[in-house]
Amino acid sequence: MTKITPYYAVIFTSIQNENTEGYSEMAEKMEILAKSQDGFLGIESARDQIGITVSYWESLDAIKNWKQHSEHLLAQQKGRTQWYNWYHVRICKVEREYDFKST
């Protein structure tokens, strides 16, 4: 997932409560919708006891537009009232990246 730097990462860390009804469907819908937004670069996600989703964006304006998207606002509200005990959002500027791949 090499991108031209700099770019931005939104790190969403969360702990769900017991009521996860509808969560998977909404998460899938939000990923599809995010991928169609201007400035979207990619997404990575993992969930065990704690969930971590990192989405990548070209600019802070692209992040702001995504945060304010009407369907995303609905998902945020449902997250606060139905699915999460806690979440934390971090927005970071990526200056450099590298990776390793075993051959």
PDB file of N, CA and C in Angstrom:
ATOM      1  N   MET A   1       0.833  -1.182   0.000  1.00  0.00           N
ATOM      2  CA  MET A   1       0.000   0.000   0.000  1.00  0.00           C
ATOM      3  C   MET A   1       0.881   1.249   0.000  1.00  0.00           C
ATOM      4  N   THR A   2       1.895   1.277  -0.797  1.00  0.00           N
ATOM      5  CA  THR A   2       2.785   2.430  -0.864  1.00  0.00           C
ATOM      6  C   THR A   2       2.063   3.605  -1.507  1.00  0.00           C
ATOM      7  N   LYS A   3       2.174   4.755  -0.875  1.00  0.00           N
ATOM      8  CA  LYS A   3       1.527   5.974  -1.339  1.00  0.00           C
ATOM      9  C   LYS A   3       2.562   7.085  -1.399  1.00  0.00           C
ATOM     10  N   ILE A   4       2.253   8.130  -2.119  1.00  0.00           N
ATOM     11  CA  ILE A   4       3.134   9.289  -2.161  1.00  0.00           C
ATOM     12  C   ILE A   4       2.976  10.050  -0.852  1.00  0.00           C
ATOM     13  N   THR A   5       4.081  10.242  -0.148  1.00  0.00           N
ATOM     14  CA  THR A   5       4.042  10.958   1.121  1.00  0.00           C
ATOM     15  C   THR A   5       4.242  12.448   0.871  1.00  0.00           C
ATOM     16  N   PRO A   6       3.765  13.298   1.746  1.00  0.00           N
ATOM     17  CA  PRO A   6       2.993  12.928   2.938  1.00  0.00           C
ATOM     18  C   PRO A   6       1.528  12.677   2.609  1.00  0.00           C
ATOM     19  N   TYR A   7       0.894  11.943   3.496  1.00  0.00           N
ATOM     20  CA  TYR A   7      -0.546  11.715   3.469  1.00  0.00           C
ATOM     21  C   TYR A   7      -0.987  11.566   4.923  1.00  0.00           C
ATOM     22  N   TYR A   8      -2.252  11.306   5.155  1.00  0.00           N
ATOM     23  CA  TYR A   8      -2.783  11.279   6.517  1.00  0.00           C
ATOM     24  C   TYR A   8      -3.403   9.936   6.844  1.00  0.00           C
ATOM     25  N   ALA A   9      -3.295   9.562   8.114  1.00  0.00           N
ATOM     26  CA  ALA A   9      -3.901   8.340   8.624  1.00  0.00           C
ATOM     27  C   ALA A   9      -4.870   8.708   9.742  1.00  0.00           C
ATOM     28  N   VAL A  10      -6.058   8.142   9.693  1.00  0.00           N
ATOM     29  CA  VAL A  10      -7.025   8.271  10.777  1.00  0.00           C
ATOM     30  C   VAL A  10      -7.051   6.915  11.480  1.00  0.00           C
ATOM     31  N   ILE A  11      -6.650   6.914  12.746  1.00  0.00           N
ATOM     32  CA  ILE A  11      -6.581   5.685  13.529  1.00  0.00           C
ATOM     33  C   ILE A  11      -7.775   5.663  14.478  1.00  0.00           C
ATOM     34  N   PHE A  12      -8.661   4.711  14.264  1.00  0.00           N
ATOM     35  CA  PHE A  12      -9.873   4.569  15.074  1.00  0.00           C
ATOM     36  C   PHE A  12      -9.708   3.309  15.916  1.00  0.00           C
ATOM     37  N   THR A  13      -9.563   3.491  17.221  1.00  0.00           N
ATOM     38  CA  THR A  13      -9.388   2.389  18.164  1.00  0.00           C
ATOM     39  C   THR A  13     -10.654   2.304  18.999  1.00  0.00           C
ATOM     40  N   SER A  14     -11.179   1.076  19.186  1.00  0.00           N
ATOM     41  CA  SER A  14     -12.470   0.971  19.876  1.00  0.00           C
ATOM     42  C   SER A  14     -12.593  -0.314  20.677  1.00  0.00           C
ATOM     43  N   ILE A  15     -13.501  -0.248  21.654  1.00  0.00           N
ATOM     44  CA  ILE A  15     -13.933  -1.431  22.391  1.00  0.00           C
ATOM     45  C   ILE A  15     -15.456  -1.472  22.276  1.00  0.00           C
ATOM     46  N   GLN A  16     -15.949  -2.585  21.751  1.00  0.00           N
ATOM     47  CA  GLN A  16     -17.388  -2.735  21.576  1.00  0.00           C
ATOM     48  C   GLN A  16     -18.042  -3.204  22.869  1.00  0.00           C
ATOM     49  N   ASN A  17     -19.337  -2.912  22.971  1.00  0.00           N
ATOM     50  CA  ASN A  17     -20.114  -3.483  24.066  1.00  0.00           C
ATOM     51  C   ASN A  17     -20.734  -4.798  23.585  1.00  0.00           C
ATOM     52  N   GLU A  18     -21.658  -5.336  24.342  1.00  0.00           N
ATOM     53  CA  GLU A  18     -22.270  -6.620  24.005  1.00  0.00           C
ATOM     54  C   GLU A  18     -23.257  -6.536  22.841  1.00  0.00           C
ATOM     55  N   ASN A  19     -23.831  -5.361  22.594  1.00  0.00           N
ATOM     56  CA  ASN A  19     -24.853  -5.191  21.565  1.00  0.00           C
ATOM     57  C   ASN A  19     -24.203  -4.851  20.220  1.00  0.00           C
ATOM     58  N   THR A  20     -23.904  -5.878  19.428  1.00  0.00           N
ATOM     59  CA  THR A  20     -23.267  -5.648  18.132  1.00  0.00           C
ATOM     60  C   THR A  20     -24.234  -5.875  16.964  1.00  0.00           C
ATOM     61  N   GLU A  21     -25.519  -5.939  17.259  1.00  0.00           N
ATOM     62  CA  GLU A  21     -26.509  -6.154  16.203  1.00  0.00           C
ATOM     63  C   GLU A  21     -26.426  -5.039  15.159  1.00  0.00           C
ATOM     64  N   GLY A  22     -26.235  -5.430  13.907  1.00  0.00           N
ATOM     65  CA  GLY A  22     -26.165  -4.470  12.807  1.00  0.00           C
ATOM     66  C   GLY A  22     -24.792  -3.865  12.587  1.00  0.00           C
ATOM     67  N   TYR A  23     -23.847  -4.160  13.484  1.00  0.00           N
ATOM     68  CA  TYR A  23     -22.520  -3.539  13.393  1.00  0.00           C
ATOM     69  C   TYR A  23     -21.778  -3.965  12.130  1.00  0.00           C
ATOM     70  N   SER A  24     -21.712  -5.255  11.868  1.00  0.00           N
ATOM     71  CA  SER A  24     -20.950  -5.756  10.707  1.00  0.00           C
ATOM     72  C   SER A  24     -21.470  -5.171   9.404  1.00  0.00           C
ATOM     73  N   GLU A  25     -22.776  -5.106   9.282  1.00  0.00           N
ATOM     74  CA  GLU A  25     -23.379  -4.548   8.068  1.00  0.00           C
ATOM     75  C   GLU A  25     -23.026  -3.070   7.914  1.00  0.00           C
ATOM     76  N   MET A  26     -23.083  -2.330   9.013  1.00  0.00           N
ATOM     77  CA  MET A  26     -22.761  -0.905   8.954  1.00  0.00           C
ATOM     78  C   MET A  26     -21.277  -0.702   8.658  1.00  0.00           C
ATOM     79  N   ALA A  27     -20.414  -1.501   9.263  1.00  0.00           N
ATOM     80  CA  ALA A  27     -18.975  -1.376   9.019  1.00  0.00           C
ATOM     81  C   ALA A  27     -18.669  -1.628   7.542  1.00  0.00           C
ATOM     82  N   GLU A  28     -19.286  -2.643   6.972  1.00  0.00           N
ATOM     83  CA  GLU A  28     -19.082  -2.936   5.551  1.00  0.00           C
ATOM     84  C   GLU A  28     -19.592  -1.793   4.677  1.00  0.00           C
ATOM     85  N   LYS A  29     -20.759  -1.265   5.018  1.00  0.00           N
ATOM     86  CA  LYS A  29     -21.338  -0.144   4.271  1.00  0.00           C
ATOM     87  C   LYS A  29     -20.429   1.081   4.339  1.00  0.00           C
ATOM     88  N   MET A  30     -19.871   1.374   5.527  1.00  0.00           N
ATOM     89  CA  MET A  30     -18.996   2.536   5.685  1.00  0.00           C
ATOM     90  C   MET A  30     -17.697   2.369   4.906  1.00  0.00           C
ATOM     91  N   GLU A  31     -17.177   1.145   4.862  1.00  0.00           N
ATOM     92  CA  GLU A  31     -15.951   0.916   4.093  1.00  0.00           C
ATOM     93  C   GLU A  31     -16.199   1.145   2.606  1.00  0.00           C
ATOM     94  N   ILE A  32     -17.296   0.628   2.095  1.00  0.00           N
ATOM     95  CA  ILE A  32     -17.644   0.827   0.679  1.00  0.00           C
ATOM     96  C   ILE A  32     -17.832   2.312   0.389  1.00  0.00           C
ATOM     97  N   LEU A  33     -18.538   3.014   1.273  1.00  0.00           N
ATOM     98  CA  LEU A  33     -18.786   4.439   1.093  1.00  0.00           C
ATOM     99  C   LEU A  33     -17.487   5.243   1.172  1.00  0.00           C
ATOM    100  N   ALA A  34     -16.630   4.927   2.133  1.00  0.00           N
ATOM    101  CA  ALA A  34     -15.348   5.640   2.279  1.00  0.00           C
ATOM    102  C   ALA A  34     -14.516   5.496   1.014  1.00  0.00           C
ATOM    103  N   LYS A  35     -14.496   4.296   0.438  1.00  0.00           N
ATOM    104  CA  LYS A  35     -13.708   4.046  -0.767  1.00  0.00           C
ATOM    105  C   LYS A  35     -14.145   4.910  -1.945  1.00  0.00           C
ATOM    106  N   SER A  36     -15.381   5.404  -1.912  1.00  0.00           N
ATOM    107  CA  SER A  36     -15.885   6.240  -3.007  1.00  0.00           C
ATOM    108  C   SER A  36     -15.645   7.731  -2.776  1.00  0.00           C
ATOM    109  N   GLN A  37     -15.058   8.094  -1.642  1.00  0.00           N
ATOM    110  CA  GLN A  37     -14.855   9.506  -1.297  1.00  0.00           C
ATOM    111  C   GLN A  37     -13.584  10.055  -1.937  1.00  0.00           C
ATOM    112  N   ASP A  38     -13.637  11.312  -2.363  1.00  0.00           N
ATOM    113  CA  ASP A  38     -12.450  11.978  -2.884  1.00  0.00           C
ATOM    114  C   ASP A  38     -11.370  11.993  -1.805  1.00  0.00           C
ATOM    115  N   GLY A  39     -10.165  11.669  -2.196  1.00  0.00           N
ATOM    116  CA  GLY A  39      -9.043  11.718  -1.274  1.00  0.00           C
ATOM    117  C   GLY A  39      -8.808  10.440  -0.489  1.00  0.00           C
ATOM    118  N   PHE A  40      -9.668   9.434  -0.622  1.00  0.00           N
ATOM    119  CA  PHE A  40      -9.482   8.168   0.084  1.00  0.00           C
ATOM    120  C   PHE A  40      -8.349   7.392  -0.569  1.00  0.00           C
ATOM    121  N   LEU A  41      -7.443   6.836   0.266  1.00  0.00           N
ATOM    122  CA  LEU A  41      -6.294   6.097  -0.245  1.00  0.00           C
ATOM    123  C   LEU A  41      -6.305   4.617   0.112  1.00  0.00           C
ATOM    124  N   GLY A  42      -6.928   4.247   1.235  1.00  0.00           N
ATOM    125  CA  GLY A  42      -6.936   2.847   1.629  1.00  0.00           C
ATOM    126  C   GLY A  42      -7.395   2.659   3.057  1.00  0.00           C
ATOM    127  N   ILE A  43      -7.507   1.392   3.465  1.00  0.00           N
ATOM    128  CA  ILE A  43      -7.979   1.080   4.812  1.00  0.00           C
ATOM    129  C   ILE A  43      -7.384  -0.256   5.253  1.00  0.00           C
ATOM    130  N   GLU A  44      -7.104  -0.357   6.551  1.00  0.00           N
ATOM    131  CA  GLU A  44      -6.649  -1.589   7.185  1.00  0.00           C
ATOM    132  C   GLU A  44      -7.409  -1.720   8.502  1.00  0.00           C
ATOM    133  N   SER A  45      -7.765  -2.959   8.866  1.00  0.00           N
ATOM    134  CA  SER A  45      -8.565  -3.137  10.065  1.00  0.00           C
ATOM    135  C   SER A  45      -8.256  -4.475  10.727  1.00  0.00           C
ATOM    136  N   ALA A  46      -8.320  -4.480  12.060  1.00  0.00           N
ATOM    137  CA  ALA A  46      -8.148  -5.704  12.836  1.00  0.00           C
ATOM    138  C   ALA A  46      -9.055  -5.615  14.058  1.00  0.00           C
ATOM    139  N   ARG A  47      -9.617  -6.750  14.454  1.00  0.00           N
ATOM    140  CA  ARG A  47     -10.472  -6.764  15.639  1.00  0.00           C
ATOM    141  C   ARG A  47     -10.261  -8.062  16.387  1.00  0.00           C
ATOM    142  N   ASP A  48      -9.977  -7.921  17.674  1.00  0.00           N
ATOM    143  CA  ASP A  48      -9.940  -9.060  18.584  1.00  0.00           C
ATOM    144  C   ASP A  48     -10.668  -8.560  19.820  1.00  0.00           C
ATOM    145  N   GLN A  49      -9.981  -8.286  20.887  1.00  0.00           N
ATOM    146  CA  GLN A  49     -10.634  -7.670  22.046  1.00  0.00           C
ATOM    147  C   GLN A  49     -10.760  -6.169  21.851  1.00  0.00           C
ATOM    148  N   ILE A  50      -9.848  -5.612  21.075  1.00  0.00           N
ATOM    149  CA  ILE A  50      -9.886  -4.190  20.747  1.00  0.00           C
ATOM    150  C   ILE A  50      -9.882  -4.077  19.226  1.00  0.00           C
ATOM    151  N   GLY A  51     -10.628  -3.133  18.701  1.00  0.00           N
ATOM    152  CA  GLY A  51     -10.665  -2.932  17.257  1.00  0.00           C
ATOM    153  C   GLY A  51      -9.768  -1.774  16.869  1.00  0.00           C
ATOM    154  N   ILE A  52      -9.058  -1.938  15.781  1.00  0.00           N
ATOM    155  CA  ILE A  52      -8.221  -0.866  15.244  1.00  0.00           C
ATOM    156  C   ILE A  52      -8.472  -0.794  13.747  1.00  0.00           C
ATOM    157  N   THR A  53      -8.930   0.358  13.297  1.00  0.00           N
ATOM    158  CA  THR A  53      -9.115   0.597  11.874  1.00  0.00           C
ATOM    159  C   THR A  53      -8.315   1.844  11.523  1.00  0.00           C
ATOM    160  N   VAL A  54      -7.488   1.723  10.490  1.00  0.00           N
ATOM    161  CA  VAL A  54      -6.697   2.854  10.018  1.00  0.00           C
ATOM    162  C   VAL A  54      -7.127   3.140   8.590  1.00  0.00           C
ATOM    163  N   SER A  55      -7.609   4.352   8.359  1.00  0.00           N
ATOM    164  CA  SER A  55      -7.937   4.762   6.993  1.00  0.00           C
ATOM    165  C   SER A  55      -6.930   5.821   6.572  1.00  0.00           C
ATOM    166  N   TYR A  56      -6.629   5.842   5.280  1.00  0.00           N
ATOM    167  CA  TYR A  56      -5.591   6.717   4.742  1.00  0.00           C
ATOM    168  C   TYR A  56      -6.209   7.708   3.768  1.00  0.00           C
ATOM    169  N   TRP A  57      -5.757   8.971   3.870  1.00  0.00           N
ATOM    170  CA  TRP A  57      -6.372  10.061   3.116  1.00  0.00           C
ATOM    171  C   TRP A  57      -5.308  10.994   2.555  1.00  0.00           C
ATOM    172  N   GLU A  58      -5.638  11.618   1.426  1.00  0.00           N
ATOM    173  CA  GLU A  58      -4.717  12.552   0.781  1.00  0.00           C
ATOM    174  C   GLU A  58      -4.538  13.854   1.567  1.00  0.00           C
ATOM    175  N   SER A  59      -5.586  14.284   2.280  1.00  0.00           N
ATOM    176  CA  SER A  59      -5.535  15.607   2.910  1.00  0.00           C
ATOM    177  C   SER A  59      -6.427  15.674   4.146  1.00  0.00           C
ATOM    178  N   LEU A  60      -6.202  16.705   4.937  1.00  0.00           N
ATOM    179  CA  LEU A  60      -7.071  16.955   6.092  1.00  0.00           C
ATOM    180  C   LEU A  60      -8.475  17.330   5.641  1.00  0.00           C
ATOM    181  N   ASP A  61      -8.597  18.020   4.508  1.00  0.00           N
ATOM    182  CA  ASP A  61      -9.925  18.360   3.978  1.00  0.00           C
ATOM    183  C   ASP A  61     -10.711  17.105   3.605  1.00  0.00           C
ATOM    184  N   ALA A  62     -10.038  16.113   3.026  1.00  0.00           N
ATOM    185  CA  ALA A  62     -10.717  14.862   2.683  1.00  0.00           C
ATOM    186  C   ALA A  62     -11.231  14.165   3.944  1.00  0.00           C
ATOM    187  N   ILE A  63     -10.425  14.197   5.007  1.00  0.00           N
ATOM    188  CA  ILE A  63     -10.844  13.607   6.287  1.00  0.00           C
ATOM    189  C   ILE A  63     -12.052  14.356   6.848  1.00  0.00           C
ATOM    190  N   LYS A  64     -11.993  15.676   6.808  1.00  0.00           N
ATOM    191  CA  LYS A  64     -13.099  16.489   7.319  1.00  0.00           C
ATOM    192  C   LYS A  64     -14.393  16.209   6.548  1.00  0.00           C
ATOM    193  N   ASN A  65     -14.280  16.108   5.230  1.00  0.00           N
ATOM    194  CA  ASN A  65     -15.463  15.820   4.414  1.00  0.00           C
ATOM    195  C   ASN A  65     -16.034  14.452   4.745  1.00  0.00           C
ATOM    196  N   TRP A  66     -15.185  13.464   4.965  1.00  0.00           N
ATOM    197  CA  TRP A  66     -15.659  12.126   5.332  1.00  0.00           C
ATOM    198  C   TRP A  66     -16.337  12.158   6.695  1.00  0.00           C
ATOM    199  N   LYS A  67     -15.737  12.834   7.660  1.00  0.00           N
ATOM    200  CA  LYS A  67     -16.324  12.911   9.002  1.00  0.00           C
ATOM    201  C   LYS A  67     -17.727  13.525   8.954  1.00  0.00           C
ATOM    202  N   GLN A  68     -17.941  14.471   8.043  1.00  0.00           N
ATOM    203  CA  GLN A  68     -19.214  15.192   7.965  1.00  0.00           C
ATOM    204  C   GLN A  68     -20.208  14.575   6.978  1.00  0.00           C
ATOM    205  N   HIS A  69     -19.859  13.480   6.325  1.00  0.00           N
ATOM    206  CA  HIS A  69     -20.769  12.825   5.383  1.00  0.00           C
ATOM    207  C   HIS A  69     -22.012  12.354   6.145  1.00  0.00           C
ATOM    208  N   SER A  70     -23.197  12.585   5.592  1.00  0.00           N
ATOM    209  CA  SER A  70     -24.443  12.318   6.314  1.00  0.00           C
ATOM    210  C   SER A  70     -24.584  10.860   6.751  1.00  0.00           C
ATOM    211  N   GLU A  71     -24.231   9.917   5.910  1.00  0.00           N
ATOM    212  CA  GLU A  71     -24.355   8.503   6.293  1.00  0.00           C
ATOM    213  C   GLU A  71     -23.303   8.121   7.344  1.00  0.00           C
ATOM    214  N   HIS A  72     -22.136   8.737   7.259  1.00  0.00           N
ATOM    215  CA  HIS A  72     -21.101   8.485   8.259  1.00  0.00           C
ATOM    216  C   HIS A  72     -21.515   9.093   9.606  1.00  0.00           C
ATOM    217  N   LEU A  73     -22.172  10.250   9.584  1.00  0.00           N
ATOM    218  CA  LEU A  73     -22.676  10.850  10.824  1.00  0.00           C
ATOM    219  C   LEU A  73     -23.677   9.918  11.507  1.00  0.00           C
ATOM    220  N   LEU A  74     -24.535   9.271  10.723  1.00  0.00           N
ATOM    221  CA  LEU A  74     -25.501   8.308  11.270  1.00  0.00           C
ATOM    222  C   LEU A  74     -24.770   7.125  11.912  1.00  0.00           C
ATOM    223  N   ALA A  75     -23.753   6.616  11.239  1.00  0.00           N
ATOM    224  CA  ALA A  75     -22.975   5.494  11.786  1.00  0.00           C
ATOM    225  C   ALA A  75     -22.271   5.906  13.078  1.00  0.00           C
ATOM    226  N   GLN A  76     -21.743   7.131  13.120  1.00  0.00           N
ATOM    227  CA  GLN A  76     -21.084   7.626  14.337  1.00  0.00           C
ATOM    228  C   GLN A  76     -22.073   7.666  15.502  1.00  0.00           C
ATOM    229  N   GLN A  77     -23.267   8.148  15.240  1.00  0.00           N
ATOM    230  CA  GLN A  77     -24.301   8.233  16.282  1.00  0.00           C
ATOM    231  C   GLN A  77     -24.669   6.843  16.804  1.00  0.00           C
ATOM    232  N   LYS A  78     -24.863   5.905  15.874  1.00  0.00           N
ATOM    233  CA  LYS A  78     -25.198   4.533  16.288  1.00  0.00           C
ATOM    234  C   LYS A  78     -24.046   3.922  17.092  1.00  0.00           C
ATOM    235  N   GLY A  79     -22.831   4.244  16.713  1.00  0.00           N
ATOM    236  CA  GLY A  79     -21.678   3.744  17.452  1.00  0.00           C
ATOM    237  C   GLY A  79     -21.697   4.205  18.898  1.00  0.00           C
ATOM    238  N   ARG A  80     -21.997   5.484  19.102  1.00  0.00           N
ATOM    239  CA  ARG A  80     -22.032   6.038  20.461  1.00  0.00           C
ATOM    240  C   ARG A  80     -23.201   5.499  21.275  1.00  0.00           C
ATOM    241  N   THR A  81     -24.345   5.291  20.646  1.00  0.00           N
ATOM    242  CA  THR A  81     -25.533   4.883  21.394  1.00  0.00           C
ATOM    243  C   THR A  81     -25.745   3.376  21.454  1.00  0.00           C
ATOM    244  N   GLN A  82     -25.105   2.618  20.542  1.00  0.00           N
ATOM    245  CA  GLN A  82     -25.435   1.198  20.457  1.00  0.00           C
ATOM    246  C   GLN A  82     -24.220   0.270  20.559  1.00  0.00           C
ATOM    247  N   TRP A  83     -23.119   0.548  19.868  1.00  0.00           N
ATOM    248  CA  TRP A  83     -22.081  -0.467  19.679  1.00  0.00           C
ATOM    249  C   TRP A  83     -20.827  -0.330  20.539  1.00  0.00           C
ATOM    250  N   TYR A  84     -20.458   0.880  20.952  1.00  0.00           N
ATOM    251  CA  TYR A  84     -19.160   1.062  21.601  1.00  0.00           C
ATOM    252  C   TYR A  84     -19.261   1.407  23.080  1.00  0.00           C
ATOM    253  N   ASN A  85     -18.362   0.819  23.850  1.00  0.00           N
ATOM    254  CA  ASN A  85     -18.131   1.270  25.221  1.00  0.00           C
ATOM    255  C   ASN A  85     -17.149   2.428  25.226  1.00  0.00           C
ATOM    256  N   TRP A  86     -16.253   2.423  24.237  1.00  0.00           N
ATOM    257  CA  TRP A  86     -15.191   3.424  24.175  1.00  0.00           C
ATOM    258  C   TRP A  86     -14.614   3.456  22.771  1.00  0.00           C
ATOM    259  N   TYR A  87     -14.205   4.636  22.336  1.00  0.00           N
ATOM    260  CA  TYR A  87     -13.389   4.736  21.126  1.00  0.00           C
ATOM    261  C   TYR A  87     -12.496   5.959  21.220  1.00  0.00           C
ATOM    262  N   HIS A  88     -11.447   5.933  20.410  1.00  0.00           N
ATOM    263  CA  HIS A  88     -10.474   7.021  20.381  1.00  0.00           C
ATOM    264  C   HIS A  88     -10.051   7.211  18.926  1.00  0.00           C
ATOM    265  N   VAL A  89      -9.986   8.465  18.485  1.00  0.00           N
ATOM    266  CA  VAL A  89      -9.595   8.774  17.112  1.00  0.00           C
ATOM    267  C   VAL A  89      -8.315   9.599  17.139  1.00  0.00           C
ATOM    268  N   ARG A  90      -7.367   9.206  16.305  1.00  0.00           N
ATOM    269  CA  ARG A  90      -6.122   9.951  16.147  1.00  0.00           C
ATOM    270  C   ARG A  90      -5.949  10.252  14.661  1.00  0.00           C
ATOM    271  N   ILE A  91      -5.513  11.456  14.352  1.00  0.00           N
ATOM    272  CA  ILE A  91      -5.230  11.835  12.973  1.00  0.00           C
ATOM    273  C   ILE A  91      -3.747  12.163  12.898  1.00  0.00           C
ATOM    274  N   CYS A  92      -3.054  11.461  12.015  1.00  0.00           N
ATOM    275  CA  CYS A  92      -1.597  11.563  11.942  1.00  0.00           C
ATOM    276  C   CYS A  92      -1.159  11.883  10.522  1.00  0.00           C
ATOM    277  N   LYS A  93      -0.085  12.642  10.405  1.00  0.00           N
ATOM    278  CA  LYS A  93       0.532  12.906   9.112  1.00  0.00           C
ATOM    279  C   LYS A  93       1.646  11.888   8.900  1.00  0.00           C
ATOM    280  N   VAL A  94       1.577  11.173   7.796  1.00  0.00           N
ATOM    281  CA  VAL A  94       2.588  10.172   7.467  1.00  0.00           C
ATOM    282  C   VAL A  94       3.642  10.847   6.592  1.00  0.00           C
ATOM    283  N   GLU A  95       4.841  10.918   7.121  1.00  0.00           N
ATOM    284  CA  GLU A  95       5.947  11.563   6.423  1.00  0.00           C
ATOM    285  C   GLU A  95       6.769  10.571   5.606  1.00  0.00           C
ATOM    286  N   ARG A  96       6.818   9.334   6.091  1.00  0.00           N
ATOM    287  CA  ARG A  96       7.660   8.331   5.470  1.00  0.00           C
ATOM    288  C   ARG A  96       7.067   6.958   5.739  1.00  0.00           C
ATOM    289  N   GLU A  97       7.304   6.015   4.851  1.00  0.00           N
ATOM    290  CA  GLU A  97       6.852   4.649   5.082  1.00  0.00           C
ATOM    291  C   GLU A  97       7.824   3.679   4.417  1.00  0.00           C
ATOM    292  N   TYR A  98       7.835   2.468   4.924  1.00  0.00           N
ATOM    293  CA  TYR A  98       8.598   1.388   4.308  1.00  0.00           C
ATOM    294  C   TYR A  98       8.010   0.074   4.779  1.00  0.00           C
ATOM    295  N   ASP A  99       8.355  -1.019   4.109  1.00  0.00           N
ATOM    296  CA  ASP A  99       7.830  -2.313   4.501  1.00  0.00           C
ATOM    297  C   ASP A  99       8.856  -3.413   4.241  1.00  0.00           C
ATOM    298  N   PHE A 100       8.514  -4.600   4.662  1.00  0.00           N
ATOM    299  CA  PHE A 100       9.331  -5.782   4.483  1.00  0.00           C
ATOM    300  C   PHE A 100       8.425  -6.886   3.980  1.00  0.00           C
ATOM    301  N   LYS A 101       8.916  -7.665   3.061  1.00  0.00           N
ATOM    302  CA  LYS A 101       8.165  -8.821   2.582  1.00  0.00           C
ATOM    303  C   LYS A 101       9.138  -9.968   2.372  1.00  0.00           C
ATOM    304  N   SER A 102       8.880 -11.070   3.041  1.00  0.00           N
ATOM    305  CA  SER A 102       9.708 -12.258   2.899  1.00  0.00           C
ATOM    306  C   SER A 102       9.444 -12.894   1.536  1.00  0.00           C
ATOM    307  N   THR A 103      10.495 -13.316   0.882  1.00  0.00           N
ATOM    308  CA  THR A 103      10.310 -13.941  -0.441  1.00  0.00           C
ATOM    309  C   THR A 103      10.487 -15.431  -0.383  1.00  0.00           C
TER     310      THR A 103
END
